[in-house]
Amino acid sequence: MGIDDKAKNAADKVAGHAKEAAGKVTDNEKLEAEGRAQQAKADLKQAGENVKDAVKE
């Protein structure tokens, strides 16, 4: 897994966390859900990259 992929996944997760927090503060359930979904997407990408790394070794 390249450093670029790790950085993108981390940035995506942070952005999702920010969206979720903003949704909670503004009582916007849709934004909160989008944030949780974005974090889950980043976690899945990270898991996929980890599997690819494990197969390469």
PDB file of N, CA and C in Angstrom:
ATOM      1  N   MET A   1       0.848  -1.177   0.000  1.00  0.00           N
ATOM      2  CA  MET A   1       0.000   0.000   0.000  1.00  0.00           C
ATOM      3  C   MET A   1       0.883   1.226   0.000  1.00  0.00           C
ATOM      4  N   GLY A   2       0.598   2.094  -0.905  1.00  0.00           N
ATOM      5  CA  GLY A   2       1.408   3.294  -1.010  1.00  0.00           C
ATOM      6  C   GLY A   2       1.051   4.324   0.038  1.00  0.00           C
ATOM      7  N   ILE A   3       1.995   5.189   0.296  1.00  0.00           N
ATOM      8  CA  ILE A   3       1.781   6.254   1.269  1.00  0.00           C
ATOM      9  C   ILE A   3       0.643   7.161   0.820  1.00  0.00           C
ATOM     10  N   ASP A   4       0.477   7.300  -0.502  1.00  0.00           N
ATOM     11  CA  ASP A   4      -0.620   8.117  -1.035  1.00  0.00           C
ATOM     12  C   ASP A   4      -1.973   7.545  -0.627  1.00  0.00           C
ATOM     13  N   ASP A   5      -2.113   6.219  -0.754  1.00  0.00           N
ATOM     14  CA  ASP A   5      -3.377   5.576  -0.384  1.00  0.00           C
ATOM     15  C   ASP A   5      -3.659   5.736   1.099  1.00  0.00           C
ATOM     16  N   LYS A   6      -2.636   5.571   1.903  1.00  0.00           N
ATOM     17  CA  LYS A   6      -2.813   5.727   3.350  1.00  0.00           C
ATOM     18  C   LYS A   6      -3.256   7.138   3.688  1.00  0.00           C
ATOM     19  N   ALA A   7      -2.642   8.109   3.043  1.00  0.00           N
ATOM     20  CA  ALA A   7      -2.988   9.508   3.303  1.00  0.00           C
ATOM     21  C   ALA A   7      -4.418   9.808   2.847  1.00  0.00           C
ATOM     22  N   LYS A   8      -4.796   9.307   1.691  1.00  0.00           N
ATOM     23  CA  LYS A   8      -6.153   9.533   1.196  1.00  0.00           C
ATOM     24  C   LYS A   8      -7.193   8.906   2.115  1.00  0.00           C
ATOM     25  N   ASN A   9      -6.930   7.689   2.562  1.00  0.00           N
ATOM     26  CA  ASN A   9      -7.867   7.018   3.464  1.00  0.00           C
ATOM     27  C   ASN A   9      -7.971   7.760   4.788  1.00  0.00           C
ATOM     28  N   ALA A  10      -6.850   8.205   5.312  1.00  0.00           N
ATOM     29  CA  ALA A  10      -6.866   8.953   6.574  1.00  0.00           C
ATOM     30  C   ALA A  10      -7.607  10.273   6.412  1.00  0.00           C
ATOM     31  N   ALA A  11      -7.377  10.952   5.292  1.00  0.00           N
ATOM     32  CA  ALA A  11      -8.063  12.227   5.044  1.00  0.00           C
ATOM     33  C   ALA A  11      -9.562  12.017   4.893  1.00  0.00           C
ATOM     34  N   ASP A  12      -9.939  10.943   4.228  1.00  0.00           N
ATOM     35  CA  ASP A  12     -11.354  10.631   4.048  1.00  0.00           C
ATOM     36  C   ASP A  12     -12.018  10.357   5.399  1.00  0.00           C
ATOM     37  N   LYS A  13     -11.309   9.636   6.248  1.00  0.00           N
ATOM     38  CA  LYS A  13     -11.857   9.322   7.567  1.00  0.00           C
ATOM     39  C   LYS A  13     -11.999  10.588   8.412  1.00  0.00           C
ATOM     40  N   VAL A  14     -11.005  11.450   8.373  1.00  0.00           N
ATOM     41  CA  VAL A  14     -11.064  12.706   9.133  1.00  0.00           C
ATOM     42  C   VAL A  14     -12.211  13.583   8.619  1.00  0.00           C
ATOM     43  N   ALA A  15     -12.355  13.643   7.303  1.00  0.00           N
ATOM     44  CA  ALA A  15     -13.447  14.439   6.722  1.00  0.00           C
ATOM     45  C   ALA A  15     -14.801  13.880   7.138  1.00  0.00           C
ATOM     46  N   GLY A  16     -14.913  12.575   7.177  1.00  0.00           N
ATOM     47  CA  GLY A  16     -16.154  11.944   7.616  1.00  0.00           C
ATOM     48  C   GLY A  16     -16.455  12.249   9.072  1.00  0.00           C
ATOM     49  N   HIS A  17     -15.429  12.221   9.880  1.00  0.00           N
ATOM     50  CA  HIS A  17     -15.601  12.539  11.298  1.00  0.00           C
ATOM     51  C   HIS A  17     -16.049  13.994  11.464  1.00  0.00           C
ATOM     52  N   ALA A  18     -15.478  14.886  10.678  1.00  0.00           N
ATOM     53  CA  ALA A  18     -15.856  16.298  10.734  1.00  0.00           C
ATOM     54  C   ALA A  18     -17.315  16.482  10.307  1.00  0.00           C
ATOM     55  N   LYS A  19     -17.720  15.787   9.249  1.00  0.00           N
ATOM     56  CA  LYS A  19     -19.108  15.870   8.798  1.00  0.00           C
ATOM     57  C   LYS A  19     -20.060  15.363   9.885  1.00  0.00           C
ATOM     58  N   GLU A  20     -19.696  14.240  10.486  1.00  0.00           N
ATOM     59  CA  GLU A  20     -20.544  13.679  11.530  1.00  0.00           C
ATOM     60  C   GLU A  20     -20.681  14.659  12.695  1.00  0.00           C
ATOM     61  N   ALA A  21     -19.567  15.248  13.111  1.00  0.00           N
ATOM     62  CA  ALA A  21     -19.588  16.208  14.214  1.00  0.00           C
ATOM     63  C   ALA A  21     -20.415  17.437  13.854  1.00  0.00           C
ATOM     64  N   ALA A  22     -20.251  17.928  12.630  1.00  0.00           N
ATOM     65  CA  ALA A  22     -21.029  19.094  12.188  1.00  0.00           C
ATOM     66  C   ALA A  22     -22.520  18.763  12.172  1.00  0.00           C
ATOM     67  N   GLY A  23     -22.835  17.567  11.755  1.00  0.00           N
ATOM     68  CA  GLY A  23     -24.234  17.136  11.743  1.00  0.00           C
ATOM     69  C   GLY A  23     -24.828  17.080  13.133  1.00  0.00           C
ATOM     70  N   LYS A  24     -24.036  16.616  14.093  1.00  0.00           N
ATOM     71  CA  LYS A  24     -24.512  16.564  15.479  1.00  0.00           C
ATOM     72  C   LYS A  24     -24.738  17.964  16.027  1.00  0.00           C
ATOM     73  N   VAL A  25     -23.806  18.860  15.757  1.00  0.00           N
ATOM     74  CA  VAL A  25     -23.896  20.226  16.275  1.00  0.00           C
ATOM     75  C   VAL A  25     -25.096  20.962  15.681  1.00  0.00           C
ATOM     76  N   THR A  26     -25.319  20.757  14.389  1.00  0.00           N
ATOM     77  CA  THR A  26     -26.402  21.468  13.713  1.00  0.00           C
ATOM     78  C   THR A  26     -27.711  20.687  13.722  1.00  0.00           C
ATOM     79  N   ASP A  27     -27.719  19.538  14.353  1.00  0.00           N
ATOM     80  CA  ASP A  27     -28.897  18.665  14.419  1.00  0.00           C
ATOM     81  C   ASP A  27     -29.363  18.276  13.007  1.00  0.00           C
ATOM     82  N   ASN A  28     -28.386  17.992  12.147  1.00  0.00           N
ATOM     83  CA  ASN A  28     -28.642  17.607  10.765  1.00  0.00           C
ATOM     84  C   ASN A  28     -28.340  16.114  10.642  1.00  0.00           C
ATOM     85  N   GLU A  29     -29.385  15.308  10.700  1.00  0.00           N
ATOM     86  CA  GLU A  29     -29.204  13.854  10.683  1.00  0.00           C
ATOM     87  C   GLU A  29     -28.607  13.359   9.363  1.00  0.00           C
ATOM     88  N   LYS A  30     -28.961  14.017   8.260  1.00  0.00           N
ATOM     89  CA  LYS A  30     -28.434  13.601   6.958  1.00  0.00           C
ATOM     90  C   LYS A  30     -26.920  13.799   6.905  1.00  0.00           C
ATOM     91  N   LEU A  31     -26.446  14.951   7.356  1.00  0.00           N
ATOM     92  CA  LEU A  31     -25.007  15.223   7.354  1.00  0.00           C
ATOM     93  C   LEU A  31     -24.275  14.264   8.295  1.00  0.00           C
ATOM     94  N   GLU A  32     -24.890  13.991   9.418  1.00  0.00           N
ATOM     95  CA  GLU A  32     -24.308  13.055  10.381  1.00  0.00           C
ATOM     96  C   GLU A  32     -24.167  11.661   9.748  1.00  0.00           C
ATOM     97  N   ALA A  33     -25.207  11.222   9.059  1.00  0.00           N
ATOM     98  CA  ALA A  33     -25.180   9.911   8.398  1.00  0.00           C
ATOM     99  C   ALA A  33     -24.134   9.884   7.278  1.00  0.00           C
ATOM    100  N   GLU A  34     -24.029  10.984   6.524  1.00  0.00           N
ATOM    101  CA  GLU A  34     -23.014  11.062   5.471  1.00  0.00           C
ATOM    102  C   GLU A  34     -21.615  10.928   6.062  1.00  0.00           C
ATOM    103  N   GLY A  35     -21.404  11.551   7.204  1.00  0.00           N
ATOM    104  CA  GLY A  35     -20.110  11.464   7.869  1.00  0.00           C
ATOM    105  C   GLY A  35     -19.780  10.050   8.303  1.00  0.00           C
ATOM    106  N   ARG A  36     -20.770   9.381   8.883  1.00  0.00           N
ATOM    107  CA  ARG A  36     -20.552   7.982   9.299  1.00  0.00           C
ATOM    108  C   ARG A  36     -20.273   7.097   8.093  1.00  0.00           C
ATOM    109  N   ALA A  37     -21.007   7.338   6.998  1.00  0.00           N
ATOM    110  CA  ALA A  37     -20.806   6.546   5.777  1.00  0.00           C
ATOM    111  C   ALA A  37     -19.416   6.781   5.197  1.00  0.00           C
ATOM    112  N   GLN A  38     -18.975   8.021   5.209  1.00  0.00           N
ATOM    113  CA  GLN A  38     -17.647   8.345   4.677  1.00  0.00           C
ATOM    114  C   GLN A  38     -16.557   7.675   5.513  1.00  0.00           C
ATOM    115  N   GLN A  39     -16.744   7.644   6.812  1.00  0.00           N
ATOM    116  CA  GLN A  39     -15.765   6.976   7.682  1.00  0.00           C
ATOM    117  C   GLN A  39     -15.751   5.474   7.408  1.00  0.00           C
ATOM    118  N   ALA A  40     -16.929   4.892   7.237  1.00  0.00           N
ATOM    119  CA  ALA A  40     -17.007   3.456   6.958  1.00  0.00           C
ATOM    120  C   ALA A  40     -16.337   3.130   5.624  1.00  0.00           C
ATOM    121  N   LYS A  41     -16.546   3.984   4.637  1.00  0.00           N
ATOM    122  CA  LYS A  41     -15.927   3.792   3.323  1.00  0.00           C
ATOM    123  C   LYS A  41     -14.409   3.819   3.446  1.00  0.00           C
ATOM    124  N   ALA A  42     -13.899   4.762   4.219  1.00  0.00           N
ATOM    125  CA  ALA A  42     -12.447   4.862   4.411  1.00  0.00           C
ATOM    126  C   ALA A  42     -11.915   3.622   5.124  1.00  0.00           C
ATOM    127  N   ASP A  43     -12.657   3.136   6.115  1.00  0.00           N
ATOM    128  CA  ASP A  43     -12.239   1.929   6.835  1.00  0.00           C
ATOM    129  C   ASP A  43     -12.203   0.719   5.906  1.00  0.00           C
ATOM    130  N   LEU A  44     -13.203   0.613   5.026  1.00  0.00           N
ATOM    131  CA  LEU A  44     -13.228  -0.508   4.082  1.00  0.00           C
ATOM    132  C   LEU A  44     -12.077  -0.438   3.091  1.00  0.00           C
ATOM    133  N   LYS A  45     -11.785   0.765   2.607  1.00  0.00           N
ATOM    134  CA  LYS A  45     -10.645   0.928   1.700  1.00  0.00           C
ATOM    135  C   LYS A  45      -9.354   0.515   2.396  1.00  0.00           C
ATOM    136  N   GLN A  46      -9.207   0.937   3.635  1.00  0.00           N
ATOM    137  CA  GLN A  46      -8.014   0.614   4.409  1.00  0.00           C
ATOM    138  C   GLN A  46      -7.889  -0.900   4.589  1.00  0.00           C
ATOM    139  N   ALA A  47      -9.002  -1.545   4.902  1.00  0.00           N
ATOM    140  CA  ALA A  47      -8.990  -2.997   5.071  1.00  0.00           C
ATOM    141  C   ALA A  47      -8.606  -3.692   3.766  1.00  0.00           C
ATOM    142  N   GLY A  48      -9.130  -3.212   2.656  1.00  0.00           N
ATOM    143  CA  GLY A  48      -8.781  -3.786   1.353  1.00  0.00           C
ATOM    144  C   GLY A  48      -7.306  -3.633   1.045  1.00  0.00           C
ATOM    145  N   GLU A  49      -6.762  -2.475   1.353  1.00  0.00           N
ATOM    146  CA  GLU A  49      -5.336  -2.240   1.130  1.00  0.00           C
ATOM    147  C   GLU A  49      -4.498  -3.151   2.033  1.00  0.00           C
ATOM    148  N   ASN A  50      -4.948  -3.351   3.258  1.00  0.00           N
ATOM    149  CA  ASN A  50      -4.231  -4.241   4.176  1.00  0.00           C
ATOM    150  C   ASN A  50      -4.216  -5.665   3.658  1.00  0.00           C
ATOM    151  N   VAL A  51      -5.321  -6.096   3.084  1.00  0.00           N
ATOM    152  CA  VAL A  51      -5.394  -7.453   2.506  1.00  0.00           C
ATOM    153  C   VAL A  51      -4.431  -7.566   1.327  1.00  0.00           C
ATOM    154  N   LYS A  52      -4.417  -6.540   0.462  1.00  0.00           N
ATOM    155  CA  LYS A  52      -3.486  -6.564  -0.674  1.00  0.00           C
ATOM    156  C   LYS A  52      -2.035  -6.613  -0.186  1.00  0.00           C
ATOM    157  N   ASP A  53      -1.725  -5.869   0.867  1.00  0.00           N
ATOM    158  CA  ASP A  53      -0.380  -5.890   1.416  1.00  0.00           C
ATOM    159  C   ASP A  53      -0.028  -7.272   1.962  1.00  0.00           C
ATOM    160  N   ALA A  54      -0.977  -7.901   2.643  1.00  0.00           N
ATOM    161  CA  ALA A  54      -0.734  -9.217   3.227  1.00  0.00           C
ATOM    162  C   ALA A  54      -0.496 -10.258   2.136  1.00  0.00           C
ATOM    163  N   VAL A  55      -1.199 -10.150   1.033  1.00  0.00           N
ATOM    164  CA  VAL A  55      -1.031 -11.098  -0.065  1.00  0.00           C
ATOM    165  C   VAL A  55       0.327 -10.919  -0.729  1.00  0.00           C
ATOM    166  N   LYS A  56       0.803  -9.697  -0.806  1.00  0.00           N
ATOM    167  CA  LYS A  56       2.108  -9.422  -1.423  1.00  0.00           C
ATOM    168  C   LYS A  56       3.256 -10.002  -0.617  1.00  0.00           C
ATOM    169  N   GLU A  57       3.061 -10.122   0.698  1.00  0.00           N
ATOM    170  CA  GLU A  57       4.155 -10.608   1.550  1.00  0.00           C
ATOM    171  C   GLU A  57       4.277 -12.061   1.522  1.00  0.00           C
TER     172      GLU A  57
END
